[in-house]
Amino acid sequence: MLYAANMPRWSHSQAKVRSALDDAAAAGLRVMDTPGSHGHSWGYIDCVYADCTNQVRRYYVDSTPRNQDDEASKIRRFIRKHEHKER
């Protein structure tokens, strides 16, 4: 999705989730939003490290989380699990 100059980088409706998505991008993870209808998923975060040994390499971000603090902490937990030294 393309973003205009006055739009935030991530179009997620929850501010704390947007902040966590910024942290994921800064950590070198790929953050993709999926425009259109994809159920309750806003998009996903991928680990791009080829030799990642974690079982879960993709985290799906909820578009309307019940609690934005919980969703943001889940994103940050995913970031911590995918901090690779070679980056």
PDB file of N, CA and C in Angstrom:
ATOM      1  N   MET A   1       0.838  -1.171   0.000  1.00  0.00           N
ATOM      2  CA  MET A   1       0.000   0.000   0.000  1.00  0.00           C
ATOM      3  C   MET A   1       0.887   1.240   0.000  1.00  0.00           C
ATOM      4  N   LEU A   2       0.535   2.234  -0.766  1.00  0.00           N
ATOM      5  CA  LEU A   2       1.275   3.491  -0.806  1.00  0.00           C
ATOM      6  C   LEU A   2       0.725   4.460   0.221  1.00  0.00           C
ATOM      7  N   TYR A   3       1.607   5.255   0.801  1.00  0.00           N
ATOM      8  CA  TYR A   3       1.205   6.223   1.814  1.00  0.00           C
ATOM      9  C   TYR A   3       1.572   7.621   1.352  1.00  0.00           C
ATOM     10  N   ALA A   4       0.649   8.547   1.525  1.00  0.00           N
ATOM     11  CA  ALA A   4       0.912   9.938   1.186  1.00  0.00           C
ATOM     12  C   ALA A   4       1.805  10.552   2.257  1.00  0.00           C
ATOM     13  N   ALA A   5       2.348  11.727   1.965  1.00  0.00           N
ATOM     14  CA  ALA A   5       3.291  12.360   2.884  1.00  0.00           C
ATOM     15  C   ALA A   5       2.669  12.690   4.235  1.00  0.00           C
ATOM     16  N   ASN A   6       1.373  12.994   4.273  1.00  0.00           N
ATOM     17  CA  ASN A   6       0.752  13.387   5.539  1.00  0.00           C
ATOM     18  C   ASN A   6       0.102  12.209   6.271  1.00  0.00           C
ATOM     19  N   MET A   7       0.222  11.004   5.725  1.00  0.00           N
ATOM     20  CA  MET A   7      -0.360   9.823   6.375  1.00  0.00           C
ATOM     21  C   MET A   7       0.693   9.161   7.254  1.00  0.00           C
ATOM     22  N   PRO A   8       0.264   8.513   8.338  1.00  0.00           N
ATOM     23  CA  PRO A   8       1.229   7.738   9.120  1.00  0.00           C
ATOM     24  C   PRO A   8       1.737   6.562   8.299  1.00  0.00           C
ATOM     25  N   ARG A   9       2.892   6.054   8.662  1.00  0.00           N
ATOM     26  CA  ARG A   9       3.483   4.959   7.902  1.00  0.00           C
ATOM     27  C   ARG A   9       2.582   3.731   7.913  1.00  0.00           C
ATOM     28  N   TRP A  10       2.019   3.413   9.074  1.00  0.00           N
ATOM     29  CA  TRP A  10       1.127   2.265   9.187  1.00  0.00           C
ATOM     30  C   TRP A  10      -0.282   2.783   9.372  1.00  0.00           C
ATOM     31  N   SER A  11      -1.216   2.192   8.700  1.00  0.00           N
ATOM     32  CA  SER A  11      -2.593   2.669   8.747  1.00  0.00           C
ATOM     33  C   SER A  11      -3.424   1.978   9.819  1.00  0.00           C
ATOM     34  N   HIS A  12      -2.775   1.317  10.764  1.00  0.00           N
ATOM     35  CA  HIS A  12      -3.524   0.638  11.816  1.00  0.00           C
ATOM     36  C   HIS A  12      -4.239   1.669  12.678  1.00  0.00           C
ATOM     37  N   SER A  13      -5.448   1.332  13.123  1.00  0.00           N
ATOM     38  CA  SER A  13      -6.280   2.305  13.841  1.00  0.00           C
ATOM     39  C   SER A  13      -5.863   2.510  15.293  1.00  0.00           C
ATOM     40  N   GLN A  14      -5.072   1.613  15.867  1.00  0.00           N
ATOM     41  CA  GLN A  14      -4.678   1.713  17.271  1.00  0.00           C
ATOM     42  C   GLN A  14      -3.259   2.272  17.382  1.00  0.00           C
ATOM     43  N   ALA A  15      -3.103   3.356  18.152  1.00  0.00           N
ATOM     44  CA  ALA A  15      -1.814   4.039  18.257  1.00  0.00           C
ATOM     45  C   ALA A  15      -0.724   3.158  18.845  1.00  0.00           C
ATOM     46  N   LYS A  16      -1.037   2.382  19.862  1.00  0.00           N
ATOM     47  CA  LYS A  16      -0.014   1.537  20.496  1.00  0.00           C
ATOM     48  C   LYS A  16       0.420   0.412  19.563  1.00  0.00           C
ATOM     49  N   VAL A  17      -0.489  -0.078  18.752  1.00  0.00           N
ATOM     50  CA  VAL A  17      -0.140  -1.110  17.776  1.00  0.00           C
ATOM     51  C   VAL A  17       0.735  -0.501  16.680  1.00  0.00           C
ATOM     52  N   ARG A  18       0.413   0.721  16.236  1.00  0.00           N
ATOM     53  CA  ARG A  18       1.250   1.407  15.241  1.00  0.00           C
ATOM     54  C   ARG A  18       2.670   1.575  15.764  1.00  0.00           C
ATOM     55  N   SER A  19       2.799   1.933  17.037  1.00  0.00           N
ATOM     56  CA  SER A  19       4.122   2.100  17.635  1.00  0.00           C
ATOM     57  C   SER A  19       4.887   0.780  17.650  1.00  0.00           C
ATOM     58  N   ALA A  20       4.210  -0.312  17.975  1.00  0.00           N
ATOM     59  CA  ALA A  20       4.852  -1.627  17.976  1.00  0.00           C
ATOM     60  C   ALA A  20       5.250  -2.034  16.557  1.00  0.00           C
ATOM     61  N   LEU A  21       4.442  -1.672  15.559  1.00  0.00           N
ATOM     62  CA  LEU A  21       4.785  -1.967  14.169  1.00  0.00           C
ATOM     63  C   LEU A  21       6.033  -1.192  13.746  1.00  0.00           C
ATOM     64  N   ASP A  22       6.161   0.050  14.217  1.00  0.00           N
ATOM     65  CA  ASP A  22       7.376   0.825  13.959  1.00  0.00           C
ATOM     66  C   ASP A  22       8.592   0.144  14.572  1.00  0.00           C
ATOM     67  N   ASP A  23       8.426  -0.389  15.796  1.00  0.00           N
ATOM     68  CA  ASP A  23       9.518  -1.106  16.455  1.00  0.00           C
ATOM     69  C   ASP A  23       9.918  -2.340  15.653  1.00  0.00           C
ATOM     70  N   ALA A  24       8.937  -3.046  15.113  1.00  0.00           N
ATOM     71  CA  ALA A  24       9.218  -4.243  14.314  1.00  0.00           C
ATOM     72  C   ALA A  24      10.004  -3.872  13.057  1.00  0.00           C
ATOM     73  N   ALA A  25       9.613  -2.802  12.395  1.00  0.00           N
ATOM     74  CA  ALA A  25      10.325  -2.374  11.188  1.00  0.00           C
ATOM     75  C   ALA A  25      11.747  -1.938  11.537  1.00  0.00           C
ATOM     76  N   ALA A  26      11.911  -1.251  12.665  1.00  0.00           N
ATOM     77  CA  ALA A  26      13.238  -0.813  13.092  1.00  0.00           C
ATOM     78  C   ALA A  26      14.133  -2.000  13.444  1.00  0.00           C
ATOM     79  N   ALA A  27      13.534  -3.109  13.879  1.00  0.00           N
ATOM     80  CA  ALA A  27      14.287  -4.313  14.228  1.00  0.00           C
ATOM     81  C   ALA A  27      14.665  -5.130  12.995  1.00  0.00           C
ATOM     82  N   GLY A  28      14.244  -4.702  11.820  1.00  0.00           N
ATOM     83  CA  GLY A  28      14.606  -5.395  10.589  1.00  0.00           C
ATOM     84  C   GLY A  28      13.595  -6.426  10.132  1.00  0.00           C
ATOM     85  N   LEU A  29      12.453  -6.471  10.783  1.00  0.00           N
ATOM     86  CA  LEU A  29      11.403  -7.394  10.359  1.00  0.00           C
ATOM     87  C   LEU A  29      10.574  -6.759   9.253  1.00  0.00           C
ATOM     88  N   ARG A  30       9.997  -7.563   8.402  1.00  0.00           N
ATOM     89  CA  ARG A  30       9.170  -7.053   7.309  1.00  0.00           C
ATOM     90  C   ARG A  30       7.734  -6.891   7.809  1.00  0.00           C
ATOM     91  N   VAL A  31       7.209  -5.682   7.702  1.00  0.00           N
ATOM     92  CA  VAL A  31       5.834  -5.387   8.119  1.00  0.00           C
ATOM     93  C   VAL A  31       5.015  -5.138   6.862  1.00  0.00           C
ATOM     94  N   MET A  32       3.961  -5.945   6.683  1.00  0.00           N
ATOM     95  CA  MET A  32       3.118  -5.817   5.497  1.00  0.00           C
ATOM     96  C   MET A  32       1.667  -5.678   5.918  1.00  0.00           C
ATOM     97  N   ASP A  33       1.012  -4.646   5.421  1.00  0.00           N
ATOM     98  CA  ASP A  33      -0.434  -4.582   5.630  1.00  0.00           C
ATOM     99  C   ASP A  33      -1.095  -5.194   4.400  1.00  0.00           C
ATOM    100  N   THR A  34      -2.248  -5.789   4.613  1.00  0.00           N
ATOM    101  CA  THR A  34      -2.933  -6.465   3.520  1.00  0.00           C
ATOM    102  C   THR A  34      -4.237  -5.737   3.237  1.00  0.00           C
ATOM    103  N   PRO A  35      -4.229  -4.847   2.238  1.00  0.00           N
ATOM    104  CA  PRO A  35      -5.457  -4.127   1.917  1.00  0.00           C
ATOM    105  C   PRO A  35      -6.516  -5.071   1.356  1.00  0.00           C
ATOM    106  N   GLY A  36      -7.746  -4.730   1.568  1.00  0.00           N
ATOM    107  CA  GLY A  36      -8.836  -5.578   1.102  1.00  0.00           C
ATOM    108  C   GLY A  36      -9.373  -6.423   2.235  1.00  0.00           C
ATOM    109  N   SER A  37     -10.178  -7.395   1.909  1.00  0.00           N
ATOM    110  CA  SER A  37     -10.794  -8.192   2.957  1.00  0.00           C
ATOM    111  C   SER A  37      -9.979  -9.448   3.216  1.00  0.00           C
ATOM    112  N   HIS A  38      -9.425  -9.532   4.407  1.00  0.00           N
ATOM    113  CA  HIS A  38      -8.643 -10.685   4.840  1.00  0.00           C
ATOM    114  C   HIS A  38      -9.093 -11.103   6.231  1.00  0.00           C
ATOM    115  N   GLY A  39     -10.382 -11.204   6.432  1.00  0.00           N
ATOM    116  CA  GLY A  39     -10.892 -11.592   7.746  1.00  0.00           C
ATOM    117  C   GLY A  39     -10.599 -10.526   8.780  1.00  0.00           C
ATOM    118  N   HIS A  40     -10.060 -10.937   9.909  1.00  0.00           N
ATOM    119  CA  HIS A  40      -9.764  -9.997  10.987  1.00  0.00           C
ATOM    120  C   HIS A  40      -8.304  -9.582  11.001  1.00  0.00           C
ATOM    121  N   SER A  41      -7.547  -9.999  10.025  1.00  0.00           N
ATOM    122  CA  SER A  41      -6.125  -9.701   9.999  1.00  0.00           C
ATOM    123  C   SER A  41      -5.867  -8.358   9.328  1.00  0.00           C
ATOM    124  N   TRP A  42      -5.095  -7.492   9.990  1.00  0.00           N
ATOM    125  CA  TRP A  42      -4.690  -6.217   9.406  1.00  0.00           C
ATOM    126  C   TRP A  42      -3.542  -6.442   8.432  1.00  0.00           C
ATOM    127  N   GLY A  43      -2.670  -7.344   8.811  1.00  0.00           N
ATOM    128  CA  GLY A  43      -1.483  -7.630   8.018  1.00  0.00           C
ATOM    129  C   GLY A  43      -0.615  -8.609   8.784  1.00  0.00           C
ATOM    130  N   TYR A  44       0.673  -8.588   8.504  1.00  0.00           N
ATOM    131  CA  TYR A  44       1.550  -9.526   9.189  1.00  0.00           C
ATOM    132  C   TYR A  44       2.954  -8.973   9.311  1.00  0.00           C
ATOM    133  N   ILE A  45       3.728  -9.626  10.196  1.00  0.00           N
ATOM    134  CA  ILE A  45       5.139  -9.321  10.400  1.00  0.00           C
ATOM    135  C   ILE A  45       5.896 -10.598  10.085  1.00  0.00           C
ATOM    136  N   ASP A  46       6.905 -10.493   9.230  1.00  0.00           N
ATOM    137  CA  ASP A  46       7.715 -11.643   8.834  1.00  0.00           C
ATOM    138  C   ASP A  46       9.130 -11.493   9.347  1.00  0.00           C
ATOM    139  N   CYS A  47       9.714 -12.624   9.749  1.00  0.00           N
ATOM    140  CA  CYS A  47      11.146 -12.660  10.025  1.00  0.00           C
ATOM    141  C   CYS A  47      11.832 -12.938   8.694  1.00  0.00           C
ATOM    142  N   VAL A  48      12.736 -12.080   8.297  1.00  0.00           N
ATOM    143  CA  VAL A  48      13.384 -12.208   6.993  1.00  0.00           C
ATOM    144  C   VAL A  48      14.740 -12.893   7.086  1.00  0.00           C
ATOM    145  N   TYR A  49      15.146 -13.270   8.289  1.00  0.00           N
ATOM    146  CA  TYR A  49      16.426 -13.930   8.481  1.00  0.00           C
ATOM    147  C   TYR A  49      16.333 -15.367   7.961  1.00  0.00           C
ATOM    148  N   ALA A  50      17.182 -15.731   7.034  1.00  0.00           N
ATOM    149  CA  ALA A  50      17.084 -17.020   6.342  1.00  0.00           C
ATOM    150  C   ALA A  50      17.287 -18.211   7.270  1.00  0.00           C
ATOM    151  N   ASP A  51      18.154 -18.097   8.251  1.00  0.00           N
ATOM    152  CA  ASP A  51      18.459 -19.221   9.135  1.00  0.00           C
ATOM    153  C   ASP A  51      17.714 -19.142  10.456  1.00  0.00           C
ATOM    154  N   CYS A  52      16.549 -18.541  10.462  1.00  0.00           N
ATOM    155  CA  CYS A  52      15.751 -18.414  11.675  1.00  0.00           C
ATOM    156  C   CYS A  52      15.313 -19.810  12.129  1.00  0.00           C
ATOM    157  N   THR A  53      15.568 -20.128  13.395  1.00  0.00           N
ATOM    158  CA  THR A  53      15.226 -21.456  13.912  1.00  0.00           C
ATOM    159  C   THR A  53      13.910 -21.467  14.674  1.00  0.00           C
ATOM    160  N   ASN A  54      13.260 -20.328  14.807  1.00  0.00           N
ATOM    161  CA  ASN A  54      11.969 -20.279  15.489  1.00  0.00           C
ATOM    162  C   ASN A  54      10.901 -20.933  14.619  1.00  0.00           C
ATOM    163  N   GLN A  55       9.984 -21.646  15.254  1.00  0.00           N
ATOM    164  CA  GLN A  55       8.924 -22.318  14.506  1.00  0.00           C
ATOM    165  C   GLN A  55       8.002 -21.319  13.826  1.00  0.00           C
ATOM    166  N   VAL A  56       7.677 -20.255  14.520  1.00  0.00           N
ATOM    167  CA  VAL A  56       6.737 -19.263  13.986  1.00  0.00           C
ATOM    168  C   VAL A  56       7.537 -18.112  13.399  1.00  0.00           C
ATOM    169  N   ARG A  57       7.496 -17.982  12.069  1.00  0.00           N
ATOM    170  CA  ARG A  57       8.252 -16.917  11.400  1.00  0.00           C
ATOM    171  C   ARG A  57       7.361 -15.783  10.926  1.00  0.00           C
ATOM    172  N   ARG A  58       6.042 -15.914  11.140  1.00  0.00           N
ATOM    173  CA  ARG A  58       5.109 -14.872  10.717  1.00  0.00           C
ATOM    174  C   ARG A  58       4.096 -14.647  11.828  1.00  0.00           C
ATOM    175  N   TYR A  59       3.842 -13.360  12.132  1.00  0.00           N
ATOM    176  CA  TYR A  59       2.840 -13.010  13.130  1.00  0.00           C
ATOM    177  C   TYR A  59       1.754 -12.196  12.430  1.00  0.00           C
ATOM    178  N   TYR A  60       0.519 -12.629  12.564  1.00  0.00           N
ATOM    179  CA  TYR A  60      -0.600 -11.911  11.966  1.00  0.00           C
ATOM    180  C   TYR A  60      -1.121 -10.877  12.955  1.00  0.00           C
ATOM    181  N   VAL A  61      -1.220  -9.635  12.499  1.00  0.00           N
ATOM    182  CA  VAL A  61      -1.666  -8.524  13.337  1.00  0.00           C
ATOM    183  C   VAL A  61      -3.173  -8.375  13.192  1.00  0.00           C
ATOM    184  N   ASP A  62      -3.866  -8.346  14.313  1.00  0.00           N
ATOM    185  CA  ASP A  62      -5.318  -8.222  14.326  1.00  0.00           C
ATOM    186  C   ASP A  62      -5.710  -6.793  13.946  1.00  0.00           C
ATOM    187  N   SER A  63      -6.726  -6.657  13.123  1.00  0.00           N
ATOM    188  CA  SER A  63      -7.150  -5.323  12.694  1.00  0.00           C
ATOM    189  C   SER A  63      -7.963  -4.604  13.770  1.00  0.00           C
ATOM    190  N   THR A  64      -8.689  -5.352  14.572  1.00  0.00           N
ATOM    191  CA  THR A  64      -9.492  -4.748  15.647  1.00  0.00           C
ATOM    192  C   THR A  64      -9.273  -5.535  16.943  1.00  0.00           C
ATOM    193  N   PRO A  65      -8.109  -5.362  17.562  1.00  0.00           N
ATOM    194  CA  PRO A  65      -7.849  -6.112  18.785  1.00  0.00           C
ATOM    195  C   PRO A  65      -8.750  -5.644  19.922  1.00  0.00           C
ATOM    196  N   ARG A  66      -9.131  -6.575  20.792  1.00  0.00           N
ATOM    197  CA  ARG A  66      -9.948  -6.201  21.952  1.00  0.00           C
ATOM    198  C   ARG A  66      -9.175  -5.271  22.876  1.00  0.00           C
ATOM    199  N   ASN A  67      -7.877  -5.524  22.984  1.00  0.00           N
ATOM    200  CA  ASN A  67      -7.037  -4.733  23.877  1.00  0.00           C
ATOM    201  C   ASN A  67      -5.762  -4.371  23.119  1.00  0.00           C
ATOM    202  N   GLN A  68      -5.580  -3.085  22.837  1.00  0.00           N
ATOM    203  CA  GLN A  68      -4.428  -2.683  22.042  1.00  0.00           C
ATOM    204  C   GLN A  68      -3.111  -2.880  22.789  1.00  0.00           C
ATOM    205  N   ASP A  69      -3.146  -2.815  24.128  1.00  0.00           N
ATOM    206  CA  ASP A  69      -1.933  -3.065  24.903  1.00  0.00           C
ATOM    207  C   ASP A  69      -1.472  -4.510  24.732  1.00  0.00           C
ATOM    208  N   ASP A  70      -2.407  -5.459  24.780  1.00  0.00           N
ATOM    209  CA  ASP A  70      -2.062  -6.867  24.606  1.00  0.00           C
ATOM    210  C   ASP A  70      -1.516  -7.136  23.209  1.00  0.00           C
ATOM    211  N   GLU A  71      -2.144  -6.564  22.197  1.00  0.00           N
ATOM    212  CA  GLU A  71      -1.684  -6.772  20.818  1.00  0.00           C
ATOM    213  C   GLU A  71      -0.285  -6.190  20.633  1.00  0.00           C
ATOM    214  N   ALA A  72      -0.046  -5.008  21.189  1.00  0.00           N
ATOM    215  CA  ALA A  72       1.282  -4.392  21.086  1.00  0.00           C
ATOM    216  C   ALA A  72       2.329  -5.226  21.815  1.00  0.00           C
ATOM    217  N   SER A  73       1.980  -5.784  22.972  1.00  0.00           N
ATOM    218  CA  SER A  73       2.949  -6.611  23.703  1.00  0.00           C
ATOM    219  C   SER A  73       3.212  -7.923  22.968  1.00  0.00           C
ATOM    220  N   LYS A  74       2.220  -8.484  22.283  1.00  0.00           N
ATOM    221  CA  LYS A  74       2.438  -9.693  21.481  1.00  0.00           C
ATOM    222  C   LYS A  74       3.388  -9.407  20.323  1.00  0.00           C
ATOM    223  N   ILE A  75       3.237  -8.242  19.710  1.00  0.00           N
ATOM    224  CA  ILE A  75       4.134  -7.854  18.617  1.00  0.00           C
ATOM    225  C   ILE A  75       5.554  -7.703  19.141  1.00  0.00           C
ATOM    226  N   ARG A  76       5.715  -7.042  20.283  1.00  0.00           N
ATOM    227  CA  ARG A  76       7.051  -6.844  20.852  1.00  0.00           C
ATOM    228  C   ARG A  76       7.667  -8.169  21.303  1.00  0.00           C
ATOM    229  N   ARG A  77       6.859  -9.110  21.758  1.00  0.00           N
ATOM    230  CA  ARG A  77       7.355 -10.443  22.115  1.00  0.00           C
ATOM    231  C   ARG A  77       7.878 -11.155  20.864  1.00  0.00           C
ATOM    232  N   PHE A  78       7.152 -11.015  19.749  1.00  0.00           N
ATOM    233  CA  PHE A  78       7.596 -11.593  18.478  1.00  0.00           C
ATOM    234  C   PHE A  78       8.928 -10.970  18.060  1.00  0.00           C
ATOM    235  N   ILE A  79       9.064  -9.660  18.259  1.00  0.00           N
ATOM    236  CA  ILE A  79      10.311  -8.969  17.915  1.00  0.00           C
ATOM    237  C   ILE A  79      11.466  -9.540  18.738  1.00  0.00           C
ATOM    238  N   ARG A  80      11.259  -9.700  20.044  1.00  0.00           N
ATOM    239  CA  ARG A  80      12.321 -10.230  20.912  1.00  0.00           C
ATOM    240  C   ARG A  80      12.738 -11.638  20.506  1.00  0.00           C
ATOM    241  N   LYS A  81      11.785 -12.465  20.080  1.00  0.00           N
ATOM    242  CA  LYS A  81      12.099 -13.826  19.678  1.00  0.00           C
ATOM    243  C   LYS A  81      12.884 -13.875  18.359  1.00  0.00           C
ATOM    244  N   HIS A  82      12.821 -12.806  17.591  1.00  0.00           N
ATOM    245  CA  HIS A  82      13.462 -12.794  16.276  1.00  0.00           C
ATOM    246  C   HIS A  82      14.569 -11.748  16.193  1.00  0.00           C
ATOM    247  N   GLU A  83      15.214 -11.493  17.321  1.00  0.00           N
ATOM    248  CA  GLU A  83      16.410 -10.629  17.313  1.00  0.00           C
ATOM    249  C   GLU A  83      17.608 -11.516  16.998  1.00  0.00           C
ATOM    250  N   HIS A  84      18.119 -11.407  15.790  1.00  0.00           N
ATOM    251  CA  HIS A  84      19.247 -12.234  15.366  1.00  0.00           C
ATOM    252  C   HIS A  84      20.503 -11.388  15.374  1.00  0.00           C
ATOM    253  N   LYS A  85      21.571 -11.974  15.845  1.00  0.00           N
ATOM    254  CA  LYS A  85      22.845 -11.247  16.026  1.00  0.00           C
ATOM    255  C   LYS A  85      23.465 -10.813  14.696  1.00  0.00           C
ATOM    256  N   GLU A  86      23.220 -11.537  13.631  1.00  0.00           N
ATOM    257  CA  GLU A  86      23.863 -11.244  12.351  1.00  0.00           C
ATOM    258  C   GLU A  86      23.262 -10.060  11.625  1.00  0.00           C
ATOM    259  N   ARG A  87      22.203  -9.464  12.145  1.00  0.00           N
ATOM    260  CA  ARG A  87      21.579  -8.329  11.445  1.00  0.00           C
ATOM    261  C   ARG A  87      22.412  -7.099  11.558  1.00  0.00           C
TER     262      ARG A  87
END
